[in-house]
């Protein structure tokens, strides 16, 4: 595999994975505790500071883990595709 292609694809996977995780984790950031509907948002000033801080830490953890796991999955997929293509050409 070409090194620049690999670096670019892994960087893109990290950005996409982190961005999707950030959006997903932000979706529930300002929801009322125990809310059943996604529209039960309240003002940030009305949320307990500890709860909001815990949710923000969780959002950051999810984002970092997704940004790290995205390139791992893409690298594994690229290796699998490379093995399949190599096997097809040797037959």
C-alpha atoms as a PDB file:
ATOM      1  CA  UNK A   1       0.000   0.000   0.000  1.00  0.00           C
ATOM      2  CA  UNK A   2       1.135   3.498  -0.719  1.00  0.00           C
ATOM      3  CA  UNK A   3       2.197   5.304   2.479  1.00  0.00           C
ATOM      4  CA  UNK A   4       0.573   8.713   1.758  1.00  0.00           C
ATOM      5  CA  UNK A   5      -2.717   6.993   0.905  1.00  0.00           C
ATOM      6  CA  UNK A   6      -2.573   5.069   4.163  1.00  0.00           C
ATOM      7  CA  UNK A   7      -1.799   8.168   6.238  1.00  0.00           C
ATOM      8  CA  UNK A   8      -4.554  10.207   4.606  1.00  0.00           C
ATOM      9  CA  UNK A   9      -7.147   7.450   4.909  1.00  0.00           C
ATOM     10  CA  UNK A  10      -6.323   6.833   8.578  1.00  0.00           C
ATOM     11  CA  UNK A  11      -6.446  10.554   9.360  1.00  0.00           C
ATOM     12  CA  UNK A  12      -9.804  10.846   7.612  1.00  0.00           C
ATOM     13  CA  UNK A  13     -11.112   7.847   9.552  1.00  0.00           C
ATOM     14  CA  UNK A  14     -10.044   9.492  12.818  1.00  0.00           C
ATOM     15  CA  UNK A  15     -11.760  12.763  11.907  1.00  0.00           C
ATOM     16  CA  UNK A  16     -14.959  11.106  10.726  1.00  0.00           C
ATOM     17  CA  UNK A  17     -15.121   8.742  13.705  1.00  0.00           C
ATOM     18  CA  UNK A  18     -14.465  11.532  16.179  1.00  0.00           C
ATOM     19  CA  UNK A  19     -16.922  13.885  14.508  1.00  0.00           C
ATOM     20  CA  UNK A  20     -19.740  11.353  14.464  1.00  0.00           C
ATOM     21  CA  UNK A  21     -19.088  10.410  18.090  1.00  0.00           C
ATOM     22  CA  UNK A  22     -18.992  14.067  19.160  1.00  0.00           C
ATOM     23  CA  UNK A  23     -22.329  14.742  17.460  1.00  0.00           C
ATOM     24  CA  UNK A  24     -23.875  11.614  18.968  1.00  0.00           C
ATOM     25  CA  UNK A  25     -22.626  12.425  22.476  1.00  0.00           C
ATOM     26  CA  UNK A  26     -23.685  16.082  22.230  1.00  0.00           C
ATOM     27  CA  UNK A  27     -27.215  15.033  21.306  1.00  0.00           C
ATOM     28  CA  UNK A  28     -27.932  13.930  24.887  1.00  0.00           C
ATOM     29  CA  UNK A  29     -25.819  16.533  26.670  1.00  0.00           C
ATOM     30  CA  UNK A  30     -28.577  18.931  27.708  1.00  0.00           C
ATOM     31  CA  UNK A  31     -31.394  16.460  28.189  1.00  0.00           C
ATOM     32  CA  UNK A  32     -33.286  16.243  31.421  1.00  0.00           C
ATOM     33  CA  UNK A  33     -32.223  13.264  33.541  1.00  0.00           C
ATOM     34  CA  UNK A  34     -34.622  10.382  32.950  1.00  0.00           C
ATOM     35  CA  UNK A  35     -36.205  12.038  29.910  1.00  0.00           C
ATOM     36  CA  UNK A  36     -37.934   9.674  27.539  1.00  0.00           C
ATOM     37  CA  UNK A  37     -38.148  12.046  24.576  1.00  0.00           C
ATOM     38  CA  UNK A  38     -35.293  13.642  22.698  1.00  0.00           C
ATOM     39  CA  UNK A  39     -37.099  16.983  22.792  1.00  0.00           C
ATOM     40  CA  UNK A  40     -36.948  17.221  26.590  1.00  0.00           C
ATOM     41  CA  UNK A  41     -34.027  19.640  26.534  1.00  0.00           C
ATOM     42  CA  UNK A  42     -33.502  22.178  29.275  1.00  0.00           C
ATOM     43  CA  UNK A  43     -31.241  25.199  29.637  1.00  0.00           C
ATOM     44  CA  UNK A  44     -27.628  24.434  30.624  1.00  0.00           C
ATOM     45  CA  UNK A  45     -28.017  26.694  33.680  1.00  0.00           C
ATOM     46  CA  UNK A  46     -30.709  24.416  35.106  1.00  0.00           C
ATOM     47  CA  UNK A  47     -28.583  21.256  34.958  1.00  0.00           C
ATOM     48  CA  UNK A  48     -26.558  20.260  37.987  1.00  0.00           C
ATOM     49  CA  UNK A  49     -22.902  21.245  37.437  1.00  0.00           C
ATOM     50  CA  UNK A  50     -21.608  17.797  38.396  1.00  0.00           C
ATOM     51  CA  UNK A  51     -23.993  16.057  36.027  1.00  0.00           C
ATOM     52  CA  UNK A  52     -23.089  18.395  33.168  1.00  0.00           C
ATOM     53  CA  UNK A  53     -19.364  17.971  33.859  1.00  0.00           C
ATOM     54  CA  UNK A  54     -19.771  14.181  33.902  1.00  0.00           C
ATOM     55  CA  UNK A  55     -21.659  14.278  30.597  1.00  0.00           C
ATOM     56  CA  UNK A  56     -18.984  16.485  29.039  1.00  0.00           C
ATOM     57  CA  UNK A  57     -16.226  14.139  30.216  1.00  0.00           C
ATOM     58  CA  UNK A  58     -18.171  11.204  28.793  1.00  0.00           C
ATOM     59  CA  UNK A  59     -18.557  13.061  25.480  1.00  0.00           C
ATOM     60  CA  UNK A  60     -14.803  13.630  25.342  1.00  0.00           C
ATOM     61  CA  UNK A  61     -14.054   9.993  26.205  1.00  0.00           C
ATOM     62  CA  UNK A  62     -16.411   8.703  23.527  1.00  0.00           C
ATOM     63  CA  UNK A  63     -14.911  11.086  20.966  1.00  0.00           C
ATOM     64  CA  UNK A  64     -11.315  10.073  21.731  1.00  0.00           C
ATOM     65  CA  UNK A  65     -12.119   6.357  21.692  1.00  0.00           C
ATOM     66  CA  UNK A  66     -13.937   6.671  18.370  1.00  0.00           C
ATOM     67  CA  UNK A  67     -11.101   8.739  16.912  1.00  0.00           C
ATOM     68  CA  UNK A  68      -8.663   5.990  17.929  1.00  0.00           C
ATOM     69  CA  UNK A  69     -10.792   3.040  16.836  1.00  0.00           C
ATOM     70  CA  UNK A  70     -11.745   4.518  13.440  1.00  0.00           C
ATOM     71  CA  UNK A  71      -8.225   4.211  11.968  1.00  0.00           C
ATOM     72  CA  UNK A  72      -7.800   0.741  13.466  1.00  0.00           C
ATOM     73  CA  UNK A  73     -10.941  -0.479  11.722  1.00  0.00           C
ATOM     74  CA  UNK A  74     -10.024   1.223   8.438  1.00  0.00           C
ATOM     75  CA  UNK A  75      -6.518  -0.257   8.549  1.00  0.00           C
ATOM     76  CA  UNK A  76      -7.958  -3.714   9.152  1.00  0.00           C
ATOM     77  CA  UNK A  77     -10.396  -3.254   6.277  1.00  0.00           C
ATOM     78  CA  UNK A  78      -7.636  -2.067   3.942  1.00  0.00           C
ATOM     79  CA  UNK A  79      -5.471  -5.041   4.915  1.00  0.00           C
ATOM     80  CA  UNK A  80      -8.374  -7.415   4.258  1.00  0.00           C
ATOM     81  CA  UNK A  81      -9.009  -5.833   0.853  1.00  0.00           C
ATOM     82  CA  UNK A  82      -5.297  -6.099   0.058  1.00  0.00           C
ATOM     83  CA  UNK A  83      -5.265  -9.789   0.973  1.00  0.00           C
ATOM     84  CA  UNK A  84      -8.344 -10.498  -1.164  1.00  0.00           C
ATOM     85  CA  UNK A  85      -6.910  -8.623  -4.157  1.00  0.00           C
ATOM     86  CA  UNK A  86      -3.549 -10.364  -3.796  1.00  0.00           C
ATOM     87  CA  UNK A  87      -5.271 -13.750  -3.582  1.00  0.00           C
ATOM     88  CA  UNK A  88      -7.337 -12.977  -6.689  1.00  0.00           C
ATOM     89  CA  UNK A  89      -4.240 -12.042  -8.723  1.00  0.00           C
ATOM     90  CA  UNK A  90      -2.234 -15.133  -7.706  1.00  0.00           C
ATOM     91  CA  UNK A  91      -4.871 -17.595  -8.877  1.00  0.00           C
END
